[in-house]
C-alpha atoms as a PDB file:
ATOM      1  CA  MET A   1      -1.783  12.492  -1.746  1.00  0.00           C
ATOM      2  CA  THR A   2      -5.794  12.759  -1.293  1.00  0.00           C
ATOM      3  CA  ARG A   3      -6.802  14.735   1.485  1.00  0.00           C
ATOM      4  CA  PRO A   4     -10.249  14.624   3.476  1.00  0.00           C
ATOM      5  CA  GLN A   5     -12.385  17.487   2.431  1.00  0.00           C
ATOM      6  CA  ILE A   6     -14.593  19.646   4.464  1.00  0.00           C
ATOM      7  CA  THR A   7     -17.440  20.253   2.207  1.00  0.00           C
ATOM      8  CA  ILE A   8     -20.006  23.103   2.360  1.00  0.00           C
ATOM      9  CA  ASP A   9     -22.787  20.827   3.292  1.00  0.00           C
ATOM     10  CA  GLY A  10     -20.649  19.014   5.811  1.00  0.00           C
ATOM     11  CA  ARG A  11     -19.759  22.011   7.494  1.00  0.00           C
ATOM     12  CA  ASP A  12     -23.325  23.272   7.510  1.00  0.00           C
ATOM     13  CA  GLY A  13     -24.521  19.822   8.968  1.00  0.00           C
ATOM     14  CA  LEU A  14     -21.570  19.972  11.654  1.00  0.00           C
ATOM     15  CA  ALA A  15     -22.405  23.633  12.637  1.00  0.00           C
ATOM     16  CA  ASP A  16     -26.181  23.029  12.941  1.00  0.00           C
ATOM     17  CA  ALA A  17     -25.374  19.890  15.049  1.00  0.00           C
ATOM     18  CA  LEU A  18     -23.353  21.936  17.331  1.00  0.00           C
ATOM     19  CA  GLY A  19     -25.835  24.444  17.521  1.00  0.00           C
ATOM     20  CA  VAL A  20     -23.897  27.523  16.156  1.00  0.00           C
ATOM     21  CA  SER A  21     -24.635  29.628  13.327  1.00  0.00           C
ATOM     22  CA  ARG A  22     -23.148  28.902   9.962  1.00  0.00           C
ATOM     23  CA  SER A  23     -21.825  32.539   9.758  1.00  0.00           C
ATOM     24  CA  ASP A  24     -19.949  31.978  13.110  1.00  0.00           C
ATOM     25  CA  VAL A  25     -17.304  29.393  11.648  1.00  0.00           C
ATOM     26  CA  GLY A  26     -15.300  29.662   8.436  1.00  0.00           C
ATOM     27  CA  GLU A  27     -16.059  28.027   5.218  1.00  0.00           C
ATOM     28  CA  ARG A  28     -13.519  25.434   6.277  1.00  0.00           C
ATOM     29  CA  PRO A  29     -13.497  25.172  10.125  1.00  0.00           C
ATOM     30  CA  THR A  30     -10.860  23.970  12.023  1.00  0.00           C
ATOM     31  CA  LEU A  31     -11.376  21.753  15.329  1.00  0.00           C
ATOM     32  CA  SER A  32      -9.784  24.588  17.316  1.00  0.00           C
ATOM     33  CA  GLU A  33     -11.999  27.125  15.790  1.00  0.00           C
ATOM     34  CA  LEU A  34     -14.965  24.927  16.591  1.00  0.00           C
ATOM     35  CA  ARG A  35     -13.431  24.555  20.397  1.00  0.00           C
ATOM     36  CA  ARG A  36     -13.518  28.209  20.578  1.00  0.00           C
ATOM     37  CA  THR A  37     -16.929  28.783  19.359  1.00  0.00           C
ATOM     38  CA  VAL A  38     -19.329  26.115  21.046  1.00  0.00           C
ATOM     39  CA  GLU A  39     -20.252  26.808  24.206  1.00  0.00           C
ATOM     40  CA  THR A  40     -20.012  23.587  26.066  1.00  0.00           C
ATOM     41  CA  GLU A  41     -21.637  22.334  29.627  1.00  0.00           C
ATOM     42  CA  THR A  42     -21.222  18.907  31.138  1.00  0.00           C
ATOM     43  CA  ASP A  43     -24.080  16.853  29.894  1.00  0.00           C
ATOM     44  CA  PRO A  44     -25.341  15.281  33.245  1.00  0.00           C
ATOM     45  CA  GLU A  45     -26.608  12.025  31.496  1.00  0.00           C
ATOM     46  CA  PHE A  46     -23.050  11.630  29.745  1.00  0.00           C
ATOM     47  CA  ALA A  47     -21.180  12.028  33.123  1.00  0.00           C
ATOM     48  CA  SER A  48     -23.779   9.507  34.672  1.00  0.00           C
ATOM     49  CA  MET A  49     -22.868   6.894  32.034  1.00  0.00           C
ATOM     50  CA  GLY A  50     -19.243   7.582  32.283  1.00  0.00           C
ATOM     51  CA  GLU A  51     -19.084   7.067  35.888  1.00  0.00           C
ATOM     52  CA  ALA A  52     -21.210   4.096  35.635  1.00  0.00           C
ATOM     53  CA  ILE A  53     -18.587   2.487  33.338  1.00  0.00           C
ATOM     54  CA  ARG A  54     -15.975   3.376  35.458  1.00  0.00           C
ATOM     55  CA  ASP A  55     -17.718   1.579  38.633  1.00  0.00           C
ATOM     56  CA  ASP A  56     -18.200  -1.299  36.508  1.00  0.00           C
ATOM     57  CA  LEU A  57     -14.642  -1.800  35.430  1.00  0.00           C
ATOM     58  CA  SER A  58     -12.632  -0.242  38.519  1.00  0.00           C
ATOM     59  CA  GLY A  59      -9.885  -3.013  39.052  1.00  0.00           C
ATOM     60  CA  GLU A  60     -10.595  -4.835  35.977  1.00  0.00           C
ATOM     61  CA  LEU A  61      -8.145  -3.199  33.679  1.00  0.00           C
ATOM     62  CA  ASP A  62      -4.074  -3.347  33.700  1.00  0.00           C
ATOM     63  CA  ALA A  63      -3.226  -0.255  33.673  1.00  0.00           C
ATOM     64  CA  GLU A  64       0.852  -0.774  32.776  1.00  0.00           C
ATOM     65  CA  LEU A  65      -0.313  -3.198  29.748  1.00  0.00           C
ATOM     66  CA  LEU A  66      -2.617  -0.857  28.449  1.00  0.00           C
ATOM     67  CA  ALA A  67      -0.014   2.173  28.734  1.00  0.00           C
ATOM     68  CA  SER A  68       2.459   0.035  27.269  1.00  0.00           C
ATOM     69  CA  GLU A  69       0.393  -1.362  24.197  1.00  0.00           C
ATOM     70  CA  LEU A  70      -0.945   2.257  23.806  1.00  0.00           C
ATOM     71  CA  ALA A  71       2.337   3.549  23.324  1.00  0.00           C
ATOM     72  CA  ALA A  72       3.370   0.905  20.814  1.00  0.00           C
ATOM     73  CA  PHE A  73      -0.026   1.780  18.785  1.00  0.00           C
ATOM     74  CA  GLU A  74       0.806   5.261  18.807  1.00  0.00           C
ATOM     75  CA  ALA A  75       4.299   4.669  17.251  1.00  0.00           C
ATOM     76  CA  GLN A  76       2.613   2.525  14.637  1.00  0.00           C
ATOM     77  CA  ILE A  77      -0.042   5.385  13.684  1.00  0.00           C
ATOM     78  CA  ALA A  78       2.738   7.708  13.529  1.00  0.00           C
ATOM     79  CA  ARG A  79       4.459   5.554  10.664  1.00  0.00           C
ATOM     80  CA  LEU A  80       1.428   4.806   8.624  1.00  0.00           C
ATOM     81  CA  ARG A  81       2.284   7.286   5.893  1.00  0.00           C
ATOM     82  CA  GLU A  82       5.438   5.098   5.475  1.00  0.00           C
ATOM     83  CA  VAL A  83       3.370   1.931   4.851  1.00  0.00           C
ATOM     84  CA  ARG A  84       1.453   4.060   2.477  1.00  0.00           C
ATOM     85  CA  ASP A  85       4.471   5.155   0.700  1.00  0.00           C
ATOM     86  CA  ALA A  86       5.486   1.580   0.287  1.00  0.00           C
ATOM     87  CA  GLY A  87       2.568   1.123  -2.058  1.00  0.00           C
ATOM     88  CA  ILE A  88       1.435  -2.699  -2.799  1.00  0.00           C
ATOM     89  CA  PRO A  89       3.163  -5.094  -0.385  1.00  0.00           C
ATOM     90  CA  ASP A  90       5.849  -7.250  -2.398  1.00  0.00           C
ATOM     91  CA  GLY A  91       6.397 -10.891  -2.396  1.00  0.00           C
ATOM     92  CA  GLU A  92       6.492 -14.031  -4.641  1.00  0.00           C
ATOM     93  CA  GLU A  93       4.376 -16.390  -2.551  1.00  0.00           C
ATOM     94  CA  GLU A  94       2.633 -14.258  -0.121  1.00  0.00           C
ATOM     95  CA  PRO A  95       2.770 -10.580   0.806  1.00  0.00           C
ATOM     96  CA  GLU A  96       5.157  -8.798   2.925  1.00  0.00           C
ATOM     97  CA  VAL A  97       3.789  -7.563   6.282  1.00  0.00           C
ATOM     98  CA  LEU A  98       2.913  -3.833   6.301  1.00  0.00           C
ATOM     99  CA  TYR A  99      -0.706  -3.268   7.320  1.00  0.00           C
ATOM    100  CA  ARG A 100      -0.563  -6.333   9.749  1.00  0.00           C
ATOM    101  CA  GLU A 101       2.191  -4.809  11.528  1.00  0.00           C
ATOM    102  CA  VAL A 102       0.575  -1.246  12.056  1.00  0.00           C
ATOM    103  CA  VAL A 103      -2.402  -3.170  14.124  1.00  0.00           C
ATOM    104  CA  GLN A 104      -0.452  -5.636  16.179  1.00  0.00           C
ATOM    105  CA  PRO A 105      -0.456  -3.472  19.389  1.00  0.00           C
ATOM    106  CA  ALA A 106      -4.108  -2.792  18.882  1.00  0.00           C
ATOM    107  CA  TRP A 107      -4.759  -6.502  18.869  1.00  0.00           C
ATOM    108  CA  ARG A 108      -2.935  -7.042  22.261  1.00  0.00           C
ATOM    109  CA  LEU A 109      -4.894  -3.889  23.446  1.00  0.00           C
ATOM    110  CA  TYR A 110      -8.245  -5.565  22.209  1.00  0.00           C
ATOM    111  CA  ASP A 111      -7.689  -8.858  23.627  1.00  0.00           C
ATOM    112  CA  HIS A 112      -7.137  -7.651  26.929  1.00  0.00           C
ATOM    113  CA  LEU A 113     -10.421  -5.505  26.637  1.00  0.00           C
ATOM    114  CA  VAL A 114     -12.145  -8.484  25.747  1.00  0.00           C
ATOM    115  CA  GLU A 115     -10.718 -10.368  28.734  1.00  0.00           C
ATOM    116  CA  ALA A 116     -11.870  -7.842  31.103  1.00  0.00           C
ATOM    117  CA  GLY A 117     -15.206  -7.477  30.007  1.00  0.00           C
ATOM    118  CA  PHE A 118     -14.901  -4.063  28.944  1.00  0.00           C
ATOM    119  CA  PHE A 119     -17.245  -4.271  25.722  1.00  0.00           C
ATOM    120  CA  GLU A 120     -20.166  -5.655  27.806  1.00  0.00           C
ATOM    121  CA  SER A 121     -19.970  -2.965  30.314  1.00  0.00           C
ATOM    122  CA  VAL A 122     -19.824  -0.242  27.558  1.00  0.00           C
ATOM    123  CA  GLU A 123     -22.725  -1.593  25.837  1.00  0.00           C
ATOM    124  CA  ASP A 124     -24.822  -1.948  28.837  1.00  0.00           C
ATOM    125  CA  ARG A 125     -24.349   1.471  29.911  1.00  0.00           C
ATOM    126  CA  LEU A 126     -24.363   3.563  26.657  1.00  0.00           C
ATOM    127  CA  PRO A 127     -27.475   4.261  24.438  1.00  0.00           C
ATOM    128  CA  ARG A 128     -28.031   3.165  20.895  1.00  0.00           C
ATOM    129  CA  PHE A 129     -26.904   5.448  18.183  1.00  0.00           C
ATOM    130  CA  THR A 130     -29.659   8.088  17.508  1.00  0.00           C
ATOM    131  CA  PRO A 131     -29.259  11.413  15.744  1.00  0.00           C
ATOM    132  CA  GLU A 132     -29.772  13.181  19.231  1.00  0.00           C
ATOM    133  CA  HIS A 133     -27.273  10.990  21.008  1.00  0.00           C
ATOM    134  CA  ILE A 134     -24.797  11.624  18.182  1.00  0.00           C
ATOM    135  CA  GLU A 135     -25.311  15.345  18.432  1.00  0.00           C
ATOM    136  CA  ARG A 136     -24.619  15.438  22.191  1.00  0.00           C
ATOM    137  CA  THR A 137     -21.450  13.381  21.655  1.00  0.00           C
ATOM    138  CA  ALA A 138     -20.194  15.881  19.036  1.00  0.00           C
ATOM    139  CA  HIS A 139     -20.489  18.791  21.918  1.00  0.00           C
ATOM    140  CA  GLU A 140     -18.112  16.508  24.256  1.00  0.00           C
ATOM    141  CA  LEU A 141     -16.017  15.115  21.616  1.00  0.00           C
ATOM    142  CA  ILE A 142     -14.633  18.633  20.044  1.00  0.00           C
ATOM    143  CA  GLN A 143     -13.632  19.397  23.798  1.00  0.00           C
ATOM    144  CA  LEU A 144     -11.543  16.058  24.082  1.00  0.00           C
ATOM    145  CA  ASP A 145      -8.075  16.462  24.375  1.00  0.00           C
ATOM    146  CA  ALA A 146      -7.500  12.913  23.276  1.00  0.00           C
ATOM    147  CA  LEU A 147      -8.983  14.040  19.844  1.00  0.00           C
ATOM    148  CA  SER A 148      -7.505  17.508  19.524  1.00  0.00           C
ATOM    149  CA  GLU A 149      -4.096  17.103  21.122  1.00  0.00           C
ATOM    150  CA  GLU A 150      -3.158  13.614  21.117  1.00  0.00           C
ATOM    151  CA  LEU A 151      -4.069  12.686  17.631  1.00  0.00           C
ATOM    152  CA  GLY A 152      -2.223  16.032  16.691  1.00  0.00           C
ATOM    153  CA  ASP A 153       1.003  14.495  17.888  1.00  0.00           C
ATOM    154  CA  LEU A 154       0.254  11.518  15.996  1.00  0.00           C
ATOM    155  CA  GLY A 155      -0.014  13.234  12.794  1.00  0.00           C
ATOM    156  CA  PHE A 156      -3.578  14.479  12.318  1.00  0.00           C
ATOM    157  CA  ASP A 157      -3.710  18.032  11.172  1.00  0.00           C
ATOM    158  CA  GLU A 158      -6.612  20.262  11.828  1.00  0.00           C
ATOM    159  CA  ARG A 159      -8.489  19.637   8.488  1.00  0.00           C
ATOM    160  CA  GLU A 160      -8.489  15.757   9.310  1.00  0.00           C
ATOM    161  CA  LYS A 161      -9.478  16.179  13.025  1.00  0.00           C
ATOM    162  CA  THR A 162     -12.526  18.155  11.994  1.00  0.00           C
ATOM    163  CA  VAL A 163     -13.282  15.747   9.253  1.00  0.00           C
ATOM    164  CA  LEU A 164     -13.606  12.944  11.922  1.00  0.00           C
ATOM    165  CA  VAL A 165     -16.079  14.809  13.714  1.00  0.00           C
ATOM    166  CA  MET A 166     -17.953  15.962  10.782  1.00  0.00           C
ATOM    167  CA  ASN A 167     -18.451  12.559   9.222  1.00  0.00           C
ATOM    168  CA  VAL A 168     -19.495  11.132  12.571  1.00  0.00           C
ATOM    169  CA  VAL A 169     -22.426  13.931  12.905  1.00  0.00           C
ATOM    170  CA  ASN A 170     -23.540  13.723   9.324  1.00  0.00           C
ATOM    171  CA  ASN A 171     -23.907   9.929   9.189  1.00  0.00           C
ATOM    172  CA  ASN A 172     -26.016   9.714  12.018  1.00  0.00           C
ATOM    173  CA  THR A 173     -28.586   7.619   9.976  1.00  0.00           C
ATOM    174  CA  ARG A 174     -26.056   4.850   8.940  1.00  0.00           C
ATOM    175  CA  LEU A 175     -24.858   5.103  12.491  1.00  0.00           C
ATOM    176  CA  ALA A 176     -28.289   4.097  13.604  1.00  0.00           C
ATOM    177  CA  ARG A 177     -28.213   0.789  11.721  1.00  0.00           C
ATOM    178  CA  TRP A 178     -25.627  -0.363  14.048  1.00  0.00           C
ATOM    179  CA  VAL A 179     -27.681  -1.472  17.002  1.00  0.00           C
ATOM    180  CA  PRO A 180     -26.674  -2.815  20.368  1.00  0.00           C
ATOM    181  CA  THR A 181     -26.674  -6.616  20.212  1.00  0.00           C
ATOM    182  CA  LYS A 182     -29.763  -6.901  22.908  1.00  0.00           C
ATOM    183  CA  GLU A 183     -31.674  -4.616  20.435  1.00  0.00           C
ATOM    184  CA  ILE A 184     -31.231  -6.787  17.417  1.00  0.00           C
ATOM    185  CA  PRO A 185     -34.629  -8.120  16.588  1.00  0.00           C
ATOM    186  CA  SER A 186     -34.794 -11.880  16.371  1.00  0.00           C
ATOM    187  CA  GLU A 187     -36.254 -11.999  12.902  1.00  0.00           C
ATOM    188  CA  VAL A 188     -32.982 -10.326  11.646  1.00  0.00           C
ATOM    189  CA  GLU A 189     -30.601 -12.326  13.798  1.00  0.00           C
ATOM    190  CA  PHE A 190     -31.721 -15.724  15.466  1.00  0.00           C
ATOM    191  CA  ASP A 191     -28.282 -16.678  17.379  1.00  0.00           C
ATOM    192  CA  VAL A 192     -28.097 -12.946  19.032  1.00  0.00           C
ATOM    193  CA  GLU A 193     -26.147 -14.375  21.965  1.00  0.00           C
ATOM    194  CA  HIS A 194     -23.213 -14.894  19.298  1.00  0.00           C
ATOM    195  CA  VAL A 195     -23.244 -11.336  18.356  1.00  0.00           C
ATOM    196  CA  PRO A 196     -20.578  -9.368  19.754  1.00  0.00           C
ATOM    197  CA  PRO A 197     -21.218  -5.847  21.868  1.00  0.00           C
ATOM    198  CA  LEU A 198     -21.348  -2.826  19.434  1.00  0.00           C
ATOM    199  CA  HIS A 199     -18.098  -1.559  20.660  1.00  0.00           C
ATOM    200  CA  LYS A 200     -16.487  -4.665  20.064  1.00  0.00           C
ATOM    201  CA  ARG A 201     -17.731  -5.056  16.472  1.00  0.00           C
ATOM    202  CA  ALA A 202     -16.540  -1.666  15.965  1.00  0.00           C
ATOM    203  CA  MET A 203     -12.802  -2.091  17.460  1.00  0.00           C
ATOM    204  CA  GLY A 204     -12.389  -5.600  16.023  1.00  0.00           C
ATOM    205  CA  GLY A 205     -13.936  -4.933  12.694  1.00  0.00           C
ATOM    206  CA  VAL A 206     -11.370  -2.084  12.210  1.00  0.00           C
ATOM    207  CA  LEU A 207      -8.380  -4.558  13.086  1.00  0.00           C
ATOM    208  CA  LEU A 208      -9.875  -7.303  10.829  1.00  0.00           C
ATOM    209  CA  TRP A 209     -10.122  -5.011   7.823  1.00  0.00           C
ATOM    210  CA  ILE A 210      -6.440  -3.610   8.422  1.00  0.00           C
ATOM    211  CA  ASN A 211      -5.191  -6.930   8.893  1.00  0.00           C
ATOM    212  CA  SER A 212      -6.369  -8.091   5.423  1.00  0.00           C
ATOM    213  CA  MET A 213      -5.075  -4.991   3.666  1.00  0.00           C
ATOM    214  CA  ASP A 214      -1.785  -6.694   2.797  1.00  0.00           C
ATOM    215  CA  VAL A 215      -3.213  -9.797   1.168  1.00  0.00           C
ATOM    216  CA  HIS A 216      -5.997  -7.914  -0.670  1.00  0.00           C
ATOM    217  CA  LEU A 217      -3.797  -5.220  -2.372  1.00  0.00           C
ATOM    218  CA  TRP A 218      -1.171  -8.186  -3.260  1.00  0.00           C
ATOM    219  CA  GLN A 219      -3.954 -10.077  -4.936  1.00  0.00           C
ATOM    220  CA  LYS A 220      -5.453  -7.143  -6.959  1.00  0.00           C
ATOM    221  CA  GLU A 221      -2.322  -5.289  -7.734  1.00  0.00           C
ATOM    222  CA  VAL A 222      -3.483  -5.099 -11.236  1.00  0.00           C
ATOM    223  CA  LEU A 223      -6.503  -3.175 -10.280  1.00  0.00           C
ATOM    224  CA  VAL A 224      -5.240  -1.036  -7.764  1.00  0.00           C
ATOM    225  CA  THR A 225      -4.608   2.711  -8.567  1.00  0.00           C
ATOM    226  CA  GLU A 226      -2.683   5.383  -6.608  1.00  0.00           C
ATOM    227  CA  GLU A 227      -6.369   6.761  -5.847  1.00  0.00           C
ATOM    228  CA  ILE A 228      -7.400   3.709  -4.132  1.00  0.00           C
ATOM    229  CA  LEU A 229      -3.973   3.578  -2.219  1.00  0.00           C
ATOM    230  CA  ASP A 230      -4.862   7.235  -1.090  1.00  0.00           C
ATOM    231  CA  ASP A 231      -8.311   6.625  -0.197  1.00  0.00           C
ATOM    232  CA  GLY A 232      -7.592   3.583   1.802  1.00  0.00           C
ATOM    233  CA  TYR A 233      -4.766   5.515   3.477  1.00  0.00           C
ATOM    234  CA  TRP A 234      -7.007   8.038   4.983  1.00  0.00           C
ATOM    235  CA  ASP A 235      -9.829   5.471   5.648  1.00  0.00           C
ATOM    236  CA  ILE A 236      -7.277   3.280   7.878  1.00  0.00           C
ATOM    237  CA  LYS A 237      -5.852   6.504   9.651  1.00  0.00           C
ATOM    238  CA  ALA A 238      -9.432   7.613  10.386  1.00  0.00           C
ATOM    239  CA  MET A 239     -10.317   3.962  11.728  1.00  0.00           C
ATOM    240  CA  LEU A 240      -7.241   4.124  13.804  1.00  0.00           C
ATOM    241  CA  ALA A 241      -8.244   7.363  15.279  1.00  0.00           C
ATOM    242  CA  GLY A 242     -11.422   5.778  16.296  1.00  0.00           C
ATOM    243  CA  VAL A 243      -9.545   2.725  18.015  1.00  0.00           C
ATOM    244  CA  TYR A 244      -7.294   5.161  19.560  1.00  0.00           C
ATOM    245  CA  LEU A 245     -10.079   6.973  21.402  1.00  0.00           C
ATOM    246  CA  ILE A 246     -11.874   4.101  22.666  1.00  0.00           C
ATOM    247  CA  SER A 247      -7.939   2.722  23.872  1.00  0.00           C
ATOM    248  CA  GLN A 248      -7.583   6.150  25.385  1.00  0.00           C
ATOM    249  CA  ALA A 249     -10.808   5.772  27.464  1.00  0.00           C
ATOM    250  CA  ALA A 250      -9.925   2.495  28.466  1.00  0.00           C
ATOM    251  CA  LEU A 251      -6.438   3.629  29.726  1.00  0.00           C
ATOM    252  CA  ASP A 252      -8.299   6.523  31.411  1.00  0.00           C
ATOM    253  CA  ILE A 253     -10.510   4.449  33.365  1.00  0.00           C
ATOM    254  CA  ALA A 254      -7.535   2.119  34.666  1.00  0.00           C
ATOM    255  CA  GLU A 255      -5.434   5.103  35.780  1.00  0.00           C
ATOM    256  CA  ASP A 256      -8.241   7.136  37.088  1.00  0.00           C
ATOM    257  CA  GLY A 257      -7.033   9.667  34.620  1.00  0.00           C
ATOM    258  CA  SER A 258      -7.954  13.201  33.598  1.00  0.00           C
ATOM    259  CA  MET A 259     -10.931  12.692  31.379  1.00  0.00           C
ATOM    260  CA  SER A 260     -14.180  13.674  32.921  1.00  0.00           C
ATOM    261  CA  ASP A 261     -16.842  11.257  33.173  1.00  0.00           C
ATOM    262  CA  SER A 262     -18.802  12.861  30.438  1.00  0.00           C
ATOM    263  CA  GLN A 263     -15.570  13.170  28.216  1.00  0.00           C
ATOM    264  CA  LEU A 264     -14.904   9.545  28.900  1.00  0.00           C
ATOM    265  CA  ALA A 265     -18.638   8.539  27.614  1.00  0.00           C
ATOM    266  CA  ALA A 266     -18.283  10.890  24.658  1.00  0.00           C
ATOM    267  CA  ALA A 267     -14.788   9.175  23.720  1.00  0.00           C
ATOM    268  CA  LEU A 268     -16.278   5.737  23.866  1.00  0.00           C
ATOM    269  CA  THR A 269     -19.359   6.809  21.509  1.00  0.00           C
ATOM    270  CA  GLY A 270     -17.217   9.036  19.217  1.00  0.00           C
ATOM    271  CA  GLY A 271     -14.582   6.497  19.030  1.00  0.00           C
ATOM    272  CA  ALA A 272     -16.939   3.656  17.904  1.00  0.00           C
ATOM    273  CA  ALA A 273     -18.580   5.910  15.580  1.00  0.00           C
ATOM    274  CA  ILE A 274     -15.392   6.878  13.873  1.00  0.00           C
ATOM    275  CA  ALA A 275     -14.471   3.191  13.375  1.00  0.00           C
ATOM    276  CA  ILE A 276     -17.828   2.312  11.870  1.00  0.00           C
ATOM    277  CA  VAL A 277     -18.332   5.273   9.508  1.00  0.00           C
ATOM    278  CA  ASN A 278     -14.678   4.575   8.257  1.00  0.00           C
ATOM    279  CA  GLN A 279     -15.239   0.652   8.019  1.00  0.00           C
ATOM    280  CA  GLU A 280     -18.004   1.237   5.590  1.00  0.00           C
ATOM    281  CA  GLU A 281     -16.077   4.039   3.533  1.00  0.00           C
ATOM    282  CA  ILE A 282     -13.036   1.464   3.121  1.00  0.00           C
ATOM    283  CA  CYS A 283     -15.251  -0.986   1.658  1.00  0.00           C
ATOM    284  CA  LYS A 284     -16.391   1.459  -1.103  1.00  0.00           C
ATOM    285  CA  ASP A 285     -12.766   2.784  -1.621  1.00  0.00           C
ATOM    286  CA  VAL A 286     -10.333  -0.109  -1.474  1.00  0.00           C
ATOM    287  CA  TYR A 287     -12.207  -3.614  -1.435  1.00  0.00           C
ATOM    288  CA  TRP A 288     -14.970  -3.207  -3.778  1.00  0.00           C
ATOM    289  CA  ILE A 289     -13.197  -2.048  -6.765  1.00  0.00           C
ATOM    290  CA  THR A 290     -15.478  -1.302  -9.756  1.00  0.00           C
ATOM    291  CA  GLU A 291     -14.751  -0.849 -13.418  1.00  0.00           C
ATOM    292  CA  GLU A 292     -14.666   2.802 -13.095  1.00  0.00           C
ATOM    293  CA  MET A 293     -12.351   2.466 -10.175  1.00  0.00           C
ATOM    294  CA  ARG A 294      -9.691   0.184 -11.366  1.00  0.00           C
ATOM    295  CA  ALA A 295      -6.506   0.595 -13.072  1.00  0.00           C
ATOM    296  CA  PRO A 296      -6.626   0.280 -16.979  1.00  0.00           C
ATOM    297  CA  SER A 297      -6.057  -3.251 -18.539  1.00  0.00           C
ATOM    298  CA  PRO A 298      -2.774  -3.341 -20.069  1.00  0.00           C
ATOM    299  CA  ALA A 299      -4.657  -4.661 -23.315  1.00  0.00           C
ATOM    300  CA  ARG A 300      -6.644  -1.436 -23.323  1.00  0.00           C
END
């Protein structure tokens, strides 16, 4: 099984973004090590943004529904390895349901957030992605229990959790291309009013990619290798982590939970960033199968 790697360049970029000496962290730092090393103080601007989002959505979210569907979603994330081990979906006329089942609870979470106006509030209150904003998000994100503890309970090891943060920090230029709807230039998109808010695009995009996996793998079976399946497994696992952080933030708002306001803003920004980065990765790893990647032809 292919495992996400902490590269030296990735480690250095993460250390620089967190403002720690490269010599203060190991060659392959863990999230727990970073939590101990990085000095964190509550970011007043993040706290203000998180407080504003809470105020906007007070009384708008159904805590019981969110808690129930999030528990069901957690159960699906925990069985993702089982889905990967099943390989390519079987079926004569249509593929069996494997990956689609994984995201069924997440669709119900998404639908509720859409109905509650959640994504509009988040887009109104959070700034666009910039290198500085991503770095500040990383400081808050590594202290987030939803990332360090809850994801650990769902099968994310220390290396994987570190890679989630590392890949966000080191892809700030790519993330900057994903702009809030109101900032999309008219010469790029004429019907801006029909473009969903950024966090809706991030979460909904993940669910659409995963929803299409069964059919894609089934149709492209002759091209798909074990390496492609392994890479897709990690990309999907990472995307689900992003959706999970967004959903946990929504539940925290509904229940007036234990996240600080600054952590809430970081969970929403970080969750969307993780979802976006890994949407782009799954395109390259699973959907755009090149001649170099594909399984050999039987004729060869």
